[in-house]
Amino acid sequence: RVRANQALYERMYHDLPHEGDNNIHRGILNSDLLYSGSMGNSGTPTIELEILNYRAISTAYSSASSTSQSNGEGFDRTTDMTGHAV
């Protein structure tokens, strides 16, 4: 757990691209981990994050969609899980 404080707020507000807009944002943390989450924007905001194991997801996705074209990692050839071009 990370304790919320002013420094964490400043870092998340200024250094990271996601806003407190109640929308779900996704991204890549490193070669093994993905995140999905949202942050509220009024009153007492809450942050909800889900950390996902990339290798487990890509293996399951590849098995489930054997008819689709993939790059061997379970994702489309031109985009990663976040929709960004690769």
PDB file of N, CA and C in Angstrom:
ATOM      1  N   ARG A   1       0.829  -1.193   0.000  1.00  0.00           N
ATOM      2  CA  ARG A   1       0.000   0.000   0.000  1.00  0.00           C
ATOM      3  C   ARG A   1       0.866   1.246   0.000  1.00  0.00           C
ATOM      4  N   VAL A   2       0.343   2.269  -0.615  1.00  0.00           N
ATOM      5  CA  VAL A   2       1.006   3.569  -0.620  1.00  0.00           C
ATOM      6  C   VAL A   2       0.091   4.548   0.088  1.00  0.00           C
ATOM      7  N   ARG A   3       0.635   5.256   1.042  1.00  0.00           N
ATOM      8  CA  ARG A   3      -0.167   6.235   1.774  1.00  0.00           C
ATOM      9  C   ARG A   3      -0.268   7.516   0.947  1.00  0.00           C
ATOM     10  N   ALA A   4      -1.483   7.989   0.784  1.00  0.00           N
ATOM     11  CA  ALA A   4      -1.695   9.221   0.013  1.00  0.00           C
ATOM     12  C   ALA A   4      -1.183  10.425   0.789  1.00  0.00           C
ATOM     13  N   ASN A   5      -0.495  11.312   0.087  1.00  0.00           N
ATOM     14  CA  ASN A   5      -0.037  12.564   0.682  1.00  0.00           C
ATOM     15  C   ASN A   5       0.070  13.605  -0.431  1.00  0.00           C
ATOM     16  N   GLN A   6       0.469  14.796  -0.092  1.00  0.00           N
ATOM     17  CA  GLN A   6       0.535  15.882  -1.072  1.00  0.00           C
ATOM     18  C   GLN A   6       1.529  15.571  -2.194  1.00  0.00           C
ATOM     19  N   ALA A   7       2.658  14.959  -1.857  1.00  0.00           N
ATOM     20  CA  ALA A   7       3.663  14.635  -2.875  1.00  0.00           C
ATOM     21  C   ALA A   7       3.116  13.629  -3.894  1.00  0.00           C
ATOM     22  N   LEU A   8       2.389  12.623  -3.418  1.00  0.00           N
ATOM     23  CA  LEU A   8       1.792  11.647  -4.325  1.00  0.00           C
ATOM     24  C   LEU A   8       0.758  12.317  -5.220  1.00  0.00           C
ATOM     25  N   TYR A   9      -0.054  13.182  -4.631  1.00  0.00           N
ATOM     26  CA  TYR A   9      -1.050  13.921  -5.412  1.00  0.00           C
ATOM     27  C   TYR A   9      -0.372  14.735  -6.515  1.00  0.00           C
ATOM     28  N   GLU A  10       0.665  15.486  -6.153  1.00  0.00           N
ATOM     29  CA  GLU A  10       1.371  16.323  -7.133  1.00  0.00           C
ATOM     30  C   GLU A  10       1.954  15.467  -8.254  1.00  0.00           C
ATOM     31  N   ARG A  11       2.554  14.342  -7.893  1.00  0.00           N
ATOM     32  CA  ARG A  11       3.146  13.467  -8.903  1.00  0.00           C
ATOM     33  C   ARG A  11       2.078  12.920  -9.847  1.00  0.00           C
ATOM     34  N   MET A  12       0.968  12.466  -9.297  1.00  0.00           N
ATOM     35  CA  MET A  12      -0.091  11.906 -10.138  1.00  0.00           C
ATOM     36  C   MET A  12      -0.761  12.993 -10.974  1.00  0.00           C
ATOM     37  N   TYR A  13      -0.898  14.173 -10.425  1.00  0.00           N
ATOM     38  CA  TYR A  13      -1.591  15.249 -11.133  1.00  0.00           C
ATOM     39  C   TYR A  13      -0.740  15.838 -12.247  1.00  0.00           C
ATOM     40  N   HIS A  14       0.547  16.044 -11.974  1.00  0.00           N
ATOM     41  CA  HIS A  14       1.407  16.745 -12.929  1.00  0.00           C
ATOM     42  C   HIS A  14       2.237  15.820 -13.819  1.00  0.00           C
ATOM     43  N   ASP A  15       2.674  14.684 -13.301  1.00  0.00           N
ATOM     44  CA  ASP A  15       3.601  13.830 -14.038  1.00  0.00           C
ATOM     45  C   ASP A  15       2.928  12.730 -14.847  1.00  0.00           C
ATOM     46  N   LEU A  16       1.726  12.368 -14.499  1.00  0.00           N
ATOM     47  CA  LEU A  16       1.049  11.272 -15.180  1.00  0.00           C
ATOM     48  C   LEU A  16      -0.060  11.812 -16.068  1.00  0.00           C
ATOM     49  N   PRO A  17      -0.314  11.172 -17.193  1.00  0.00           N
ATOM     50  CA  PRO A  17      -1.239  11.736 -18.179  1.00  0.00           C
ATOM     51  C   PRO A  17      -2.725  11.561 -17.879  1.00  0.00           C
ATOM     52  N   HIS A  18      -3.100  10.800 -16.878  1.00  0.00           N
ATOM     53  CA  HIS A  18      -4.513  10.521 -16.655  1.00  0.00           C
ATOM     54  C   HIS A  18      -5.138  11.529 -15.711  1.00  0.00           C
ATOM     55  N   GLU A  19      -6.337  11.944 -16.032  1.00  0.00           N
ATOM     56  CA  GLU A  19      -7.050  12.927 -15.233  1.00  0.00           C
ATOM     57  C   GLU A  19      -8.049  12.230 -14.321  1.00  0.00           C
ATOM     58  N   GLY A  20      -8.485  12.939 -13.288  1.00  0.00           N
ATOM     59  CA  GLY A  20      -9.556  12.457 -12.436  1.00  0.00           C
ATOM     60  C   GLY A  20     -10.880  12.754 -13.105  1.00  0.00           C
ATOM     61  N   ASP A  21     -11.248  11.944 -14.088  1.00  0.00           N
ATOM     62  CA  ASP A  21     -12.437  12.221 -14.887  1.00  0.00           C
ATOM     63  C   ASP A  21     -13.436  11.066 -14.885  1.00  0.00           C
ATOM     64  N   ASN A  22     -13.266  10.140 -13.970  1.00  0.00           N
ATOM     65  CA  ASN A  22     -14.133   8.965 -13.846  1.00  0.00           C
ATOM     66  C   ASN A  22     -14.059   8.016 -15.037  1.00  0.00           C
ATOM     67  N   ASN A  23     -13.195   8.277 -16.000  1.00  0.00           N
ATOM     68  CA  ASN A  23     -13.017   7.372 -17.134  1.00  0.00           C
ATOM     69  C   ASN A  23     -11.994   6.303 -16.788  1.00  0.00           C
ATOM     70  N   ILE A  24     -12.107   5.156 -17.416  1.00  0.00           N
ATOM     71  CA  ILE A  24     -11.142   4.086 -17.200  1.00  0.00           C
ATOM     72  C   ILE A  24      -9.940   4.324 -18.101  1.00  0.00           C
ATOM     73  N   HIS A  25      -8.764   4.265 -17.515  1.00  0.00           N
ATOM     74  CA  HIS A  25      -7.510   4.421 -18.253  1.00  0.00           C
ATOM     75  C   HIS A  25      -6.733   3.122 -18.125  1.00  0.00           C
ATOM     76  N   ARG A  26      -6.016   2.760 -19.184  1.00  0.00           N
ATOM     77  CA  ARG A  26      -5.219   1.538 -19.190  1.00  0.00           C
ATOM     78  C   ARG A  26      -3.813   1.858 -19.672  1.00  0.00           C
ATOM     79  N   GLY A  27      -2.866   1.062 -19.222  1.00  0.00           N
ATOM     80  CA  GLY A  27      -1.502   1.276 -19.666  1.00  0.00           C
ATOM     81  C   GLY A  27      -0.598   0.124 -19.286  1.00  0.00           C
ATOM     82  N   ILE A  28       0.649   0.239 -19.665  1.00  0.00           N
ATOM     83  CA  ILE A  28       1.657  -0.777 -19.408  1.00  0.00           C
ATOM     84  C   ILE A  28       2.588  -0.258 -18.322  1.00  0.00           C
ATOM     85  N   LEU A  29       2.767  -1.058 -17.259  1.00  0.00           N
ATOM     86  CA  LEU A  29       3.683  -0.681 -16.184  1.00  0.00           C
ATOM     87  C   LEU A  29       5.100  -1.145 -16.488  1.00  0.00           C
ATOM     88  N   ASN A  30       5.241  -2.382 -16.936  1.00  0.00           N
ATOM     89  CA  ASN A  30       6.525  -2.928 -17.366  1.00  0.00           C
ATOM     90  C   ASN A  30       6.238  -4.112 -18.281  1.00  0.00           C
ATOM     91  N   SER A  31       7.217  -4.932 -18.564  1.00  0.00           N
ATOM     92  CA  SER A  31       7.014  -6.011 -19.536  1.00  0.00           C
ATOM     93  C   SER A  31       6.051  -7.088 -19.051  1.00  0.00           C
ATOM     94  N   ASP A  32       5.775  -7.144 -17.761  1.00  0.00           N
ATOM     95  CA  ASP A  32       4.895  -8.178 -17.228  1.00  0.00           C
ATOM     96  C   ASP A  32       3.567  -7.660 -16.691  1.00  0.00           C
ATOM     97  N   LEU A  33       3.456  -6.367 -16.409  1.00  0.00           N
ATOM     98  CA  LEU A  33       2.272  -5.848 -15.728  1.00  0.00           C
ATOM     99  C   LEU A  33       1.546  -4.766 -16.515  1.00  0.00           C
ATOM    100  N   LEU A  34       0.225  -4.849 -16.511  1.00  0.00           N
ATOM    101  CA  LEU A  34      -0.645  -3.842 -17.106  1.00  0.00           C
ATOM    102  C   LEU A  34      -1.502  -3.266 -15.989  1.00  0.00           C
ATOM    103  N   TYR A  35      -2.049  -2.075 -16.209  1.00  0.00           N
ATOM    104  CA  TYR A  35      -2.981  -1.540 -15.226  1.00  0.00           C
ATOM    105  C   TYR A  35      -4.242  -1.059 -15.918  1.00  0.00           C
ATOM    106  N   SER A  36      -5.310  -1.051 -15.147  1.00  0.00           N
ATOM    107  CA  SER A  36      -6.589  -0.529 -15.589  1.00  0.00           C
ATOM    108  C   SER A  36      -7.201   0.130 -14.371  1.00  0.00           C
ATOM    109  N   GLY A  37      -7.663   1.372 -14.512  1.00  0.00           N
ATOM    110  CA  GLY A  37      -8.236   2.026 -13.350  1.00  0.00           C
ATOM    111  C   GLY A  37      -8.842   3.366 -13.659  1.00  0.00           C
ATOM    112  N   SER A  38      -9.463   3.939 -12.645  1.00  0.00           N
ATOM    113  CA  SER A  38     -10.083   5.251 -12.793  1.00  0.00           C
ATOM    114  C   SER A  38      -9.915   6.036 -11.502  1.00  0.00           C
ATOM    115  N   MET A  39     -10.073   7.350 -11.610  1.00  0.00           N
ATOM    116  CA  MET A  39      -9.997   8.217 -10.448  1.00  0.00           C
ATOM    117  C   MET A  39     -11.170   9.184 -10.512  1.00  0.00           C
ATOM    118  N   GLY A  40     -11.884   9.302  -9.396  1.00  0.00           N
ATOM    119  CA  GLY A  40     -13.015  10.228  -9.318  1.00  0.00           C
ATOM    120  C   GLY A  40     -12.543  11.664  -9.385  1.00  0.00           C
ATOM    121  N   ASN A  41     -13.479  12.595  -9.606  1.00  0.00           N
ATOM    122  CA  ASN A  41     -13.063  13.980  -9.814  1.00  0.00           C
ATOM    123  C   ASN A  41     -13.706  14.995  -8.886  1.00  0.00           C
ATOM    124  N   SER A  42     -14.515  14.579  -7.934  1.00  0.00           N
ATOM    125  CA  SER A  42     -15.131  15.580  -7.072  1.00  0.00           C
ATOM    126  C   SER A  42     -15.286  15.039  -5.659  1.00  0.00           C
ATOM    127  N   GLY A  43     -15.500  15.944  -4.719  1.00  0.00           N
ATOM    128  CA  GLY A  43     -15.660  15.516  -3.333  1.00  0.00           C
ATOM    129  C   GLY A  43     -14.390  14.880  -2.827  1.00  0.00           C
ATOM    130  N   THR A  44     -14.503  13.697  -2.295  1.00  0.00           N
ATOM    131  CA  THR A  44     -13.347  12.931  -1.856  1.00  0.00           C
ATOM    132  C   THR A  44     -13.059  11.892  -2.924  1.00  0.00           C
ATOM    133  N   PRO A  45     -12.105  12.166  -3.827  1.00  0.00           N
ATOM    134  CA  PRO A  45     -11.868  11.249  -4.937  1.00  0.00           C
ATOM    135  C   PRO A  45     -11.306   9.914  -4.469  1.00  0.00           C
ATOM    136  N   THR A  46     -11.674   8.888  -5.168  1.00  0.00           N
ATOM    137  CA  THR A  46     -11.130   7.561  -4.917  1.00  0.00           C
ATOM    138  C   THR A  46     -10.400   7.099  -6.167  1.00  0.00           C
ATOM    139  N   ILE A  47      -9.415   6.267  -5.948  1.00  0.00           N
ATOM    140  CA  ILE A  47      -8.656   5.686  -7.051  1.00  0.00           C
ATOM    141  C   ILE A  47      -8.877   4.182  -7.003  1.00  0.00           C
ATOM    142  N   GLU A  48      -9.296   3.613  -8.110  1.00  0.00           N
ATOM    143  CA  GLU A  48      -9.463   2.171  -8.217  1.00  0.00           C
ATOM    144  C   GLU A  48      -8.516   1.675  -9.293  1.00  0.00           C
ATOM    145  N   LEU A  49      -7.622   0.766  -8.924  1.00  0.00           N
ATOM    146  CA  LEU A  49      -6.659   0.213  -9.875  1.00  0.00           C
ATOM    147  C   LEU A  49      -6.753  -1.296  -9.893  1.00  0.00           C
ATOM    148  N   GLU A  50      -6.544  -1.859 -11.056  1.00  0.00           N
ATOM    149  CA  GLU A  50      -6.434  -3.296 -11.208  1.00  0.00           C
ATOM    150  C   GLU A  50      -5.098  -3.549 -11.898  1.00  0.00           C
ATOM    151  N   ILE A  51      -4.237  -4.314 -11.248  1.00  0.00           N
ATOM    152  CA  ILE A  51      -2.940  -4.661 -11.820  1.00  0.00           C
ATOM    153  C   ILE A  51      -3.077  -6.054 -12.423  1.00  0.00           C
ATOM    154  N   LEU A  52      -2.705  -6.190 -13.683  1.00  0.00           N
ATOM    155  CA  LEU A  52      -2.898  -7.434 -14.418  1.00  0.00           C
ATOM    156  C   LEU A  52      -1.568  -8.007 -14.878  1.00  0.00           C
ATOM    157  N   ASN A  53      -1.452  -9.326 -14.839  1.00  0.00           N
ATOM    158  CA  ASN A  53      -0.255  -9.995 -15.313  1.00  0.00           C
ATOM    159  C   ASN A  53      -0.361 -10.171 -16.821  1.00  0.00           C
ATOM    160  N   TYR A  54       0.473  -9.475 -17.566  1.00  0.00           N
ATOM    161  CA  TYR A  54       0.440  -9.467 -19.033  1.00  0.00           C
ATOM    162  C   TYR A  54       0.588 -10.865 -19.612  1.00  0.00           C
ATOM    163  N   ARG A  55       1.528 -11.633 -19.107  1.00  0.00           N
ATOM    164  CA  ARG A  55       1.793 -12.959 -19.670  1.00  0.00           C
ATOM    165  C   ARG A  55       0.581 -13.877 -19.507  1.00  0.00           C
ATOM    166  N   ALA A  56      -0.062 -13.849 -18.353  1.00  0.00           N
ATOM    167  CA  ALA A  56      -1.238 -14.698 -18.125  1.00  0.00           C
ATOM    168  C   ALA A  56      -2.387 -14.278 -19.029  1.00  0.00           C
ATOM    169  N   ILE A  57      -2.591 -12.977 -19.187  1.00  0.00           N
ATOM    170  CA  ILE A  57      -3.673 -12.475 -20.027  1.00  0.00           C
ATOM    171  C   ILE A  57      -3.419 -12.822 -21.485  1.00  0.00           C
ATOM    172  N   SER A  58      -2.197 -12.596 -21.952  1.00  0.00           N
ATOM    173  CA  SER A  58      -1.914 -12.840 -23.364  1.00  0.00           C
ATOM    174  C   SER A  58      -2.021 -14.320 -23.700  1.00  0.00           C
ATOM    175  N   THR A  59      -1.639 -15.197 -22.775  1.00  0.00           N
ATOM    176  CA  THR A  59      -1.769 -16.634 -23.004  1.00  0.00           C
ATOM    177  C   THR A  59      -3.234 -17.030 -23.095  1.00  0.00           C
ATOM    178  N   ALA A  60      -4.043 -16.533 -22.169  1.00  0.00           N
ATOM    179  CA  ALA A  60      -5.477 -16.842 -22.183  1.00  0.00           C
ATOM    180  C   ALA A  60      -6.139 -16.268 -23.429  1.00  0.00           C
ATOM    181  N   TYR A  61      -5.773 -15.052 -23.807  1.00  0.00           N
ATOM    182  CA  TYR A  61      -6.354 -14.403 -24.982  1.00  0.00           C
ATOM    183  C   TYR A  61      -5.986 -15.166 -26.248  1.00  0.00           C
ATOM    184  N   SER A  62      -4.734 -15.599 -26.348  1.00  0.00           N
ATOM    185  CA  SER A  62      -4.292 -16.349 -27.526  1.00  0.00           C
ATOM    186  C   SER A  62      -5.058 -17.656 -27.653  1.00  0.00           C
ATOM    187  N   SER A  63      -5.277 -18.330 -26.545  1.00  0.00           N
ATOM    188  CA  SER A  63      -6.005 -19.593 -26.567  1.00  0.00           C
ATOM    189  C   SER A  63      -7.458 -19.393 -26.963  1.00  0.00           C
ATOM    190  N   ALA A  64      -8.068 -18.315 -26.487  1.00  0.00           N
ATOM    191  CA  ALA A  64      -9.487 -18.066 -26.735  1.00  0.00           C
ATOM    192  C   ALA A  64      -9.759 -17.580 -28.147  1.00  0.00           C
ATOM    193  N   SER A  65      -8.789 -16.954 -28.783  1.00  0.00           N
ATOM    194  CA  SER A  65      -9.035 -16.381 -30.111  1.00  0.00           C
ATOM    195  C   SER A  65      -8.081 -16.965 -31.143  1.00  0.00           C
ATOM    196  N   SER A  66      -8.122 -18.265 -31.284  1.00  0.00           N
ATOM    197  CA  SER A  66      -7.200 -18.923 -32.209  1.00  0.00           C
ATOM    198  C   SER A  66      -7.477 -18.575 -33.663  1.00  0.00           C
ATOM    199  N   THR A  67      -8.674 -18.059 -33.972  1.00  0.00           N
ATOM    200  CA  THR A  67      -8.974 -17.710 -35.357  1.00  0.00           C
ATOM    201  C   THR A  67      -8.517 -16.311 -35.726  1.00  0.00           C
ATOM    202  N   SER A  68      -8.217 -15.467 -34.739  1.00  0.00           N
ATOM    203  CA  SER A  68      -7.798 -14.102 -35.057  1.00  0.00           C
ATOM    204  C   SER A  68      -6.301 -14.052 -35.312  1.00  0.00           C
ATOM    205  N   GLN A  69      -5.869 -13.067 -36.082  1.00  0.00           N
ATOM    206  CA  GLN A  69      -4.449 -12.882 -36.326  1.00  0.00           C
ATOM    207  C   GLN A  69      -3.843 -12.155 -35.142  1.00  0.00           C
ATOM    208  N   SER A  70      -2.780 -12.725 -34.597  1.00  0.00           N
ATOM    209  CA  SER A  70      -2.112 -12.069 -33.480  1.00  0.00           C
ATOM    210  C   SER A  70      -0.619 -12.088 -33.717  1.00  0.00           C
ATOM    211  N   ASN A  71       0.101 -11.366 -32.873  1.00  0.00           N
ATOM    212  CA  ASN A  71       1.552 -11.294 -32.993  1.00  0.00           C
ATOM    213  C   ASN A  71       2.233 -12.346 -32.129  1.00  0.00           C
ATOM    214  N   GLY A  72       1.494 -13.346 -31.669  1.00  0.00           N
ATOM    215  CA  GLY A  72       2.064 -14.371 -30.815  1.00  0.00           C
ATOM    216  C   GLY A  72       1.981 -14.015 -29.349  1.00  0.00           C
ATOM    217  N   GLU A  73       1.609 -12.796 -29.042  1.00  0.00           N
ATOM    218  CA  GLU A  73       1.470 -12.377 -27.655  1.00  0.00           C
ATOM    219  C   GLU A  73       0.003 -12.168 -27.305  1.00  0.00           C
ATOM    220  N   GLY A  74      -0.900 -12.466 -28.235  1.00  0.00           N
ATOM    221  CA  GLY A  74      -2.310 -12.356 -27.947  1.00  0.00           C
ATOM    222  C   GLY A  74      -2.920 -11.014 -28.275  1.00  0.00           C
ATOM    223  N   PHE A  75      -2.158 -10.108 -28.855  1.00  0.00           N
ATOM    224  CA  PHE A  75      -2.687  -8.803 -29.204  1.00  0.00           C
ATOM    225  C   PHE A  75      -2.581  -8.585 -30.710  1.00  0.00           C
ATOM    226  N   ASP A  76      -3.404  -7.704 -31.201  1.00  0.00           N
ATOM    227  CA  ASP A  76      -3.387  -7.345 -32.610  1.00  0.00           C
ATOM    228  C   ASP A  76      -1.992  -6.886 -33.020  1.00  0.00           C
ATOM    229  N   ARG A  77      -1.634  -7.079 -34.272  1.00  0.00           N
ATOM    230  CA  ARG A  77      -0.299  -6.723 -34.759  1.00  0.00           C
ATOM    231  C   ARG A  77       0.021  -5.236 -34.628  1.00  0.00           C
ATOM    232  N   THR A  78      -0.979  -4.386 -34.703  1.00  0.00           N
ATOM    233  CA  THR A  78      -0.695  -2.957 -34.745  1.00  0.00           C
ATOM    234  C   THR A  78      -0.961  -2.212 -33.448  1.00  0.00           C
ATOM    235  N   THR A  79      -1.656  -2.824 -32.491  1.00  0.00           N
ATOM    236  CA  THR A  79      -1.923  -2.130 -31.236  1.00  0.00           C
ATOM    237  C   THR A  79      -1.691  -3.049 -30.058  1.00  0.00           C
ATOM    238  N   ASP A  80      -1.336  -2.456 -28.924  1.00  0.00           N
ATOM    239  CA  ASP A  80      -1.227  -3.223 -27.699  1.00  0.00           C
ATOM    240  C   ASP A  80      -2.568  -3.172 -26.974  1.00  0.00           C
ATOM    241  N   MET A  81      -2.618  -3.651 -25.750  1.00  0.00           N
ATOM    242  CA  MET A  81      -3.877  -3.723 -25.015  1.00  0.00           C
ATOM    243  C   MET A  81      -4.485  -2.348 -24.769  1.00  0.00           C
ATOM    244  N   THR A  82      -3.674  -1.312 -24.737  1.00  0.00           N
ATOM    245  CA  THR A  82      -4.181   0.032 -24.483  1.00  0.00           C
ATOM    246  C   THR A  82      -4.646   0.715 -25.756  1.00  0.00           C
ATOM    247  N   GLY A  83      -4.454   0.076 -26.910  1.00  0.00           N
ATOM    248  CA  GLY A  83      -4.860   0.685 -28.168  1.00  0.00           C
ATOM    249  C   GLY A  83      -3.771   1.510 -28.820  1.00  0.00           C
ATOM    250  N   HIS A  84      -2.584   1.562 -28.205  1.00  0.00           N
ATOM    251  CA  HIS A  84      -1.475   2.321 -28.772  1.00  0.00           C
ATOM    252  C   HIS A  84      -0.776   1.503 -29.849  1.00  0.00           C
ATOM    253  N   ALA A  85      -0.327   2.161 -30.874  1.00  0.00           N
ATOM    254  CA  ALA A  85       0.391   1.485 -31.956  1.00  0.00           C
ATOM    255  C   ALA A  85       1.703   0.931 -31.445  1.00  0.00           C
ATOM    256  N   VAL A  86       2.046  -0.254 -31.929  1.00  0.00           N
ATOM    257  CA  VAL A  86       3.318  -0.876 -31.535  1.00  0.00           C
ATOM    258  C   VAL A  86       4.137  -1.204 -32.762  1.00  0.00           C
TER     259      VAL A  86
END
